[in-house]
Amino acid sequence: MQDDEQHIVTEEARSGSTPHIVRYILGISLPLVVIGMLIVLWAYYKG
């Protein structure tokens, strides 16, 4: 066991910014995929 452990705050450990662009991409792409699958299913059962 080491007694000289260092604890740093999260912002220092990341060493960069954390934009929340992944949330936006997921929020946009998930409905688009669902709509696309519904169109494919509709076309399959119609024809």
N, C-alpha and C. Protein backbone atom coordinates (compact mmCIF):
# COMPACT_ATOMS: atom_id res chain seq x y z
N MET A 1 0.84 -1.18 0.00
CA MET A 1 0.00 0.00 0.00
C MET A 1 0.88 1.24 0.00
N GLN A 2 0.54 2.21 -0.84
CA GLN A 2 1.35 3.41 -0.95
C GLN A 2 0.71 4.55 -0.16
N ASP A 3 1.54 5.27 0.58
CA ASP A 3 1.04 6.39 1.36
C ASP A 3 1.13 7.71 0.62
N ASP A 4 1.79 7.74 -0.52
CA ASP A 4 1.98 8.99 -1.24
C ASP A 4 1.04 9.12 -2.45
N GLU A 5 -0.22 8.73 -2.29
CA GLU A 5 -1.19 8.84 -3.37
C GLU A 5 -1.55 10.30 -3.59
N GLN A 6 -1.77 10.63 -4.85
CA GLN A 6 -2.17 11.99 -5.19
C GLN A 6 -3.61 11.98 -5.68
N HIS A 7 -4.37 12.92 -5.21
CA HIS A 7 -5.76 13.06 -5.63
C HIS A 7 -5.90 14.41 -6.31
N ILE A 8 -6.41 14.37 -7.56
CA ILE A 8 -6.59 15.62 -8.29
C ILE A 8 -8.05 15.74 -8.69
N VAL A 9 -8.46 16.96 -8.95
CA VAL A 9 -9.85 17.19 -9.32
C VAL A 9 -10.10 16.72 -10.74
N THR A 10 -11.36 16.52 -11.07
CA THR A 10 -11.73 15.95 -12.37
C THR A 10 -11.26 16.81 -13.54
N GLU A 11 -11.38 18.13 -13.44
CA GLU A 11 -11.00 19.00 -14.54
C GLU A 11 -9.51 18.88 -14.85
N GLU A 12 -8.69 18.71 -13.84
CA GLU A 12 -7.26 18.55 -14.08
C GLU A 12 -6.94 17.18 -14.66
N ALA A 13 -7.67 16.18 -14.27
CA ALA A 13 -7.40 14.83 -14.77
C ALA A 13 -7.79 14.67 -16.23
N ARG A 14 -8.79 15.37 -16.68
CA ARG A 14 -9.24 15.25 -18.06
C ARG A 14 -8.29 15.91 -19.04
N SER A 15 -7.69 16.96 -18.64
CA SER A 15 -6.76 17.74 -19.48
C SER A 15 -7.38 18.17 -20.79
N GLY A 16 -8.64 18.52 -20.75
CA GLY A 16 -9.31 19.01 -21.95
C GLY A 16 -10.76 19.35 -21.66
N SER A 17 -11.42 19.88 -22.65
CA SER A 17 -12.83 20.22 -22.47
C SER A 17 -13.69 19.00 -22.77
N THR A 18 -14.88 19.02 -22.26
CA THR A 18 -15.80 17.90 -22.49
C THR A 18 -17.11 18.43 -23.07
N PRO A 19 -17.15 18.68 -24.37
CA PRO A 19 -18.39 19.13 -24.98
C PRO A 19 -19.41 17.98 -25.01
N HIS A 20 -20.66 18.34 -24.94
CA HIS A 20 -21.71 17.32 -24.88
C HIS A 20 -22.29 17.06 -26.26
N ILE A 21 -21.43 17.04 -27.27
CA ILE A 21 -21.89 16.84 -28.66
C ILE A 21 -22.42 15.42 -28.86
N VAL A 22 -21.94 14.47 -28.08
CA VAL A 22 -22.40 13.08 -28.23
C VAL A 22 -23.88 12.98 -27.90
N ARG A 23 -24.33 13.73 -26.94
CA ARG A 23 -25.75 13.72 -26.59
C ARG A 23 -26.60 14.23 -27.74
N TYR A 24 -26.12 15.28 -28.41
CA TYR A 24 -26.86 15.82 -29.52
C TYR A 24 -26.89 14.84 -30.69
N ILE A 25 -25.77 14.22 -30.96
CA ILE A 25 -25.70 13.25 -32.06
C ILE A 25 -26.62 12.07 -31.79
N LEU A 26 -26.61 11.57 -30.57
CA LEU A 26 -27.49 10.46 -30.22
C LEU A 26 -28.95 10.88 -30.28
N GLY A 27 -29.24 12.07 -29.80
CA GLY A 27 -30.62 12.55 -29.80
C GLY A 27 -31.17 12.77 -31.19
N ILE A 28 -30.31 13.09 -32.13
CA ILE A 28 -30.76 13.30 -33.51
C ILE A 28 -30.77 11.99 -34.29
N SER A 29 -29.74 11.18 -34.13
CA SER A 29 -29.62 9.97 -34.95
C SER A 29 -30.61 8.89 -34.54
N LEU A 30 -30.94 8.78 -33.27
CA LEU A 30 -31.87 7.74 -32.84
C LEU A 30 -33.26 7.90 -33.47
N PRO A 31 -33.86 9.09 -33.42
CA PRO A 31 -35.16 9.23 -34.11
C PRO A 31 -35.05 9.03 -35.62
N LEU A 32 -33.94 9.45 -36.24
CA LEU A 32 -33.78 9.24 -37.67
C LEU A 32 -33.72 7.76 -38.03
N VAL A 33 -33.05 6.99 -37.21
CA VAL A 33 -32.97 5.54 -37.45
C VAL A 33 -34.34 4.90 -37.27
N VAL A 34 -35.07 5.31 -36.26
CA VAL A 34 -36.41 4.75 -36.05
C VAL A 34 -37.32 5.10 -37.22
N ILE A 35 -37.29 6.33 -37.68
CA ILE A 35 -38.10 6.74 -38.83
C ILE A 35 -37.69 5.97 -40.08
N GLY A 36 -36.39 5.79 -40.27
CA GLY A 36 -35.91 5.02 -41.42
C GLY A 36 -36.38 3.57 -41.39
N MET A 37 -36.32 2.97 -40.22
CA MET A 37 -36.78 1.57 -40.10
C MET A 37 -38.29 1.47 -40.34
N LEU A 38 -39.05 2.45 -39.86
CA LEU A 38 -40.49 2.43 -40.10
C LEU A 38 -40.80 2.56 -41.59
N ILE A 39 -40.04 3.38 -42.30
CA ILE A 39 -40.24 3.53 -43.75
C ILE A 39 -39.91 2.22 -44.46
N VAL A 40 -38.85 1.56 -44.07
CA VAL A 40 -38.48 0.28 -44.68
C VAL A 40 -39.55 -0.77 -44.42
N LEU A 41 -40.02 -0.84 -43.18
CA LEU A 41 -41.07 -1.82 -42.86
C LEU A 41 -42.36 -1.51 -43.62
N TRP A 42 -42.72 -0.24 -43.71
CA TRP A 42 -43.92 0.15 -44.44
C TRP A 42 -43.80 -0.24 -45.91
N ALA A 43 -42.65 0.01 -46.52
CA ALA A 43 -42.44 -0.33 -47.92
C ALA A 43 -42.45 -1.84 -48.13
N TYR A 44 -41.90 -2.58 -47.18
CA TYR A 44 -41.85 -4.04 -47.29
C TYR A 44 -43.26 -4.65 -47.23
N TYR A 45 -44.07 -4.19 -46.30
CA TYR A 45 -45.41 -4.77 -46.15
C TYR A 45 -46.39 -4.23 -47.17
N LYS A 46 -46.13 -3.06 -47.72
CA LYS A 46 -47.02 -2.52 -48.74
C LYS A 46 -46.81 -3.21 -50.07
N GLY A 47 -45.57 -3.53 -50.37
CA GLY A 47 -45.26 -4.07 -51.70
C GLY A 47 -45.06 -5.52 -51.61
